[in-house]
C-alpha atoms as a PDB file:
ATOM      1  CA  MET A   1      -0.032  -0.028   0.003  1.00  0.00           C
ATOM      2  CA  ALA A   2       1.368   3.465  -0.852  1.00  0.00           C
ATOM      3  CA  PRO A   3       2.278   5.566   2.085  1.00  0.00           C
ATOM      4  CA  ARG A   4      -0.191   8.399   0.951  1.00  0.00           C
ATOM      5  CA  SER A   5      -3.012   5.855   0.501  1.00  0.00           C
ATOM      6  CA  PRO A   6      -6.367   7.330   1.718  1.00  0.00           C
ATOM      7  CA  ASP A   7      -6.783   3.953   3.480  1.00  0.00           C
ATOM      8  CA  LEU A   8      -4.197   5.076   6.002  1.00  0.00           C
ATOM      9  CA  SER A   9      -4.559   8.911   5.894  1.00  0.00           C
ATOM     10  CA  LEU A  10      -7.609   9.515   8.058  1.00  0.00           C
ATOM     11  CA  CYS A  11      -6.379  13.093   9.008  1.00  0.00           C
ATOM     12  CA  ASP A  12      -5.849  13.930   5.390  1.00  0.00           C
ATOM     13  CA  PHE A  13      -8.801  12.065   4.203  1.00  0.00           C
ATOM     14  CA  PHE A  14     -11.408  12.948   6.835  1.00  0.00           C
ATOM     15  CA  LEU A  15     -10.036  15.794   9.164  1.00  0.00           C
ATOM     16  CA  TRP A  16      -9.125  18.295   6.619  1.00  0.00           C
ATOM     17  CA  GLY A  17     -12.327  17.943   4.711  1.00  0.00           C
ATOM     18  CA  TYR A  18     -14.377  18.294   7.859  1.00  0.00           C
ATOM     19  CA  LEU A  19     -12.427  21.373   9.047  1.00  0.00           C
ATOM     20  CA  LYS A  20     -12.597  23.012   5.526  1.00  0.00           C
ATOM     21  CA  GLY A  21     -16.380  22.680   5.651  1.00  0.00           C
ATOM     22  CA  LYS A  22     -16.487  24.242   9.154  1.00  0.00           C
ATOM     23  CA  VAL A  23     -13.847  26.979   8.630  1.00  0.00           C
ATOM     24  CA  TYR A  24     -14.981  28.473   5.352  1.00  0.00           C
ATOM     25  CA  VAL A  25     -18.590  28.841   6.617  1.00  0.00           C
ATOM     26  CA  ASP A  26     -17.064  31.998   8.368  1.00  0.00           C
ATOM     27  CA  LYS A  27     -15.529  33.148   5.113  1.00  0.00           C
ATOM     28  CA  PRO A  28     -12.160  34.236   6.723  1.00  0.00           C
ATOM     29  CA  ARG A  29     -11.077  37.682   5.100  1.00  0.00           C
ATOM     30  CA  ASP A  30      -7.252  37.012   5.444  1.00  0.00           C
ATOM     31  CA  ILE A  31      -4.526  34.661   6.794  1.00  0.00           C
ATOM     32  CA  PRO A  32      -4.842  35.764  10.439  1.00  0.00           C
ATOM     33  CA  HIS A  33      -8.585  35.272  10.275  1.00  0.00           C
ATOM     34  CA  LEU A  34      -8.143  31.894   8.532  1.00  0.00           C
ATOM     35  CA  GLN A  35      -5.574  30.789  11.178  1.00  0.00           C
ATOM     36  CA  ASN A  36      -7.952  31.807  13.944  1.00  0.00           C
ATOM     37  CA  ALA A  37     -10.979  30.072  12.475  1.00  0.00           C
ATOM     38  CA  VAL A  38      -8.944  26.803  12.027  1.00  0.00           C
ATOM     39  CA  GLU A  39      -7.825  26.915  15.668  1.00  0.00           C
ATOM     40  CA  ARG A  40     -11.378  27.603  16.997  1.00  0.00           C
ATOM     41  CA  LYS A  41     -12.757  24.709  14.812  1.00  0.00           C
ATOM     42  CA  MET A  42     -10.032  22.364  15.772  1.00  0.00           C
ATOM     43  CA  ARG A  43     -10.829  22.960  19.467  1.00  0.00           C
ATOM     44  CA  ALA A  44     -14.467  22.556  18.795  1.00  0.00           C
ATOM     45  CA  ILE A  45     -14.046  18.936  17.295  1.00  0.00           C
ATOM     46  CA  PRO A  46     -15.839  16.691  19.860  1.00  0.00           C
ATOM     47  CA  ARG A  47     -13.731  14.411  21.870  1.00  0.00           C
ATOM     48  CA  GLN A  48     -15.919  11.482  20.748  1.00  0.00           C
ATOM     49  CA  MET A  49     -15.498  12.152  17.107  1.00  0.00           C
ATOM     50  CA  CYS A  50     -11.592  12.071  17.546  1.00  0.00           C
ATOM     51  CA  GLU A  51     -11.934   8.724  19.495  1.00  0.00           C
ATOM     52  CA  LYS A  52     -13.932   7.319  16.585  1.00  0.00           C
ATOM     53  CA  VAL A  53     -11.340   8.411  14.078  1.00  0.00           C
ATOM     54  CA  MET A  54      -8.619   6.758  16.212  1.00  0.00           C
ATOM     55  CA  THR A  55     -10.686   3.574  16.574  1.00  0.00           C
ATOM     56  CA  ASN A  56     -11.190   3.580  12.785  1.00  0.00           C
ATOM     57  CA  ILE A  57      -7.531   3.962  11.957  1.00  0.00           C
ATOM     58  CA  SER A  58      -6.544   1.169  14.246  1.00  0.00           C
ATOM     59  CA  ARG A  59      -9.025  -1.177  12.682  1.00  0.00           C
ATOM     60  CA  ILE A  60      -7.877  -0.154   9.362  1.00  0.00           C
ATOM     61  CA  MET A  61      -4.227  -0.625  10.053  1.00  0.00           C
ATOM     62  CA  ASN A  62      -4.974  -4.175  11.411  1.00  0.00           C
ATOM     63  CA  GLU A  63      -6.880  -5.014   8.178  1.00  0.00           C
ATOM     64  CA  CYS A  64      -4.006  -3.623   6.177  1.00  0.00           C
ATOM     65  CA  VAL A  65      -1.591  -5.971   8.033  1.00  0.00           C
ATOM     66  CA  GLN A  66      -3.816  -8.973   7.626  1.00  0.00           C
ATOM     67  CA  ASN A  67      -4.205  -8.262   3.899  1.00  0.00           C
ATOM     68  CA  LYS A  68      -0.469  -7.963   3.572  1.00  0.00           C
ATOM     69  CA  GLY A  69      -0.644  -4.193   2.532  1.00  0.00           C
ATOM     70  CA  ARG A  70      -2.848  -4.720  -0.369  1.00  0.00           C
ATOM     71  CA  HIS A  71      -5.790  -2.220  -1.154  1.00  0.00           C
ATOM     72  CA  LEU A  72      -8.717  -2.392   1.202  1.00  0.00           C
ATOM     73  CA  ASN A  73     -11.778  -2.552  -0.907  1.00  0.00           C
ATOM     74  CA  ASP A  74     -14.320  -2.743   1.914  1.00  0.00           C
ATOM     75  CA  VAL A  75     -13.093   0.251   3.925  1.00  0.00           C
ATOM     76  CA  ILE A  76     -15.777   2.824   4.820  1.00  0.00           C
ATOM     77  CA  PHE A  77     -14.903   5.692   6.950  1.00  0.00           C
ATOM     78  CA  HIS A  78     -17.464   6.179   9.660  1.00  0.00           C
ATOM     79  CA  VAL A  79     -17.447   9.316  11.877  1.00  0.00           C
END
């Protein structure tokens, strides 16, 4: 499996998409406003959501090992 595979990149695959949807609702005017919005929205991510992401990545990594690194066809990201 490639190191940048979405199967193993929940932060890239899920977190940034989630944050983008939350951050740009506020329509930041410039870089400082964007940075502030990202920080506020990251702090607002529910603990339960982070725990679920970590549970999913652990399960996916175990499946990857069992599948000897081949593509994981049945991986569905639940959050």
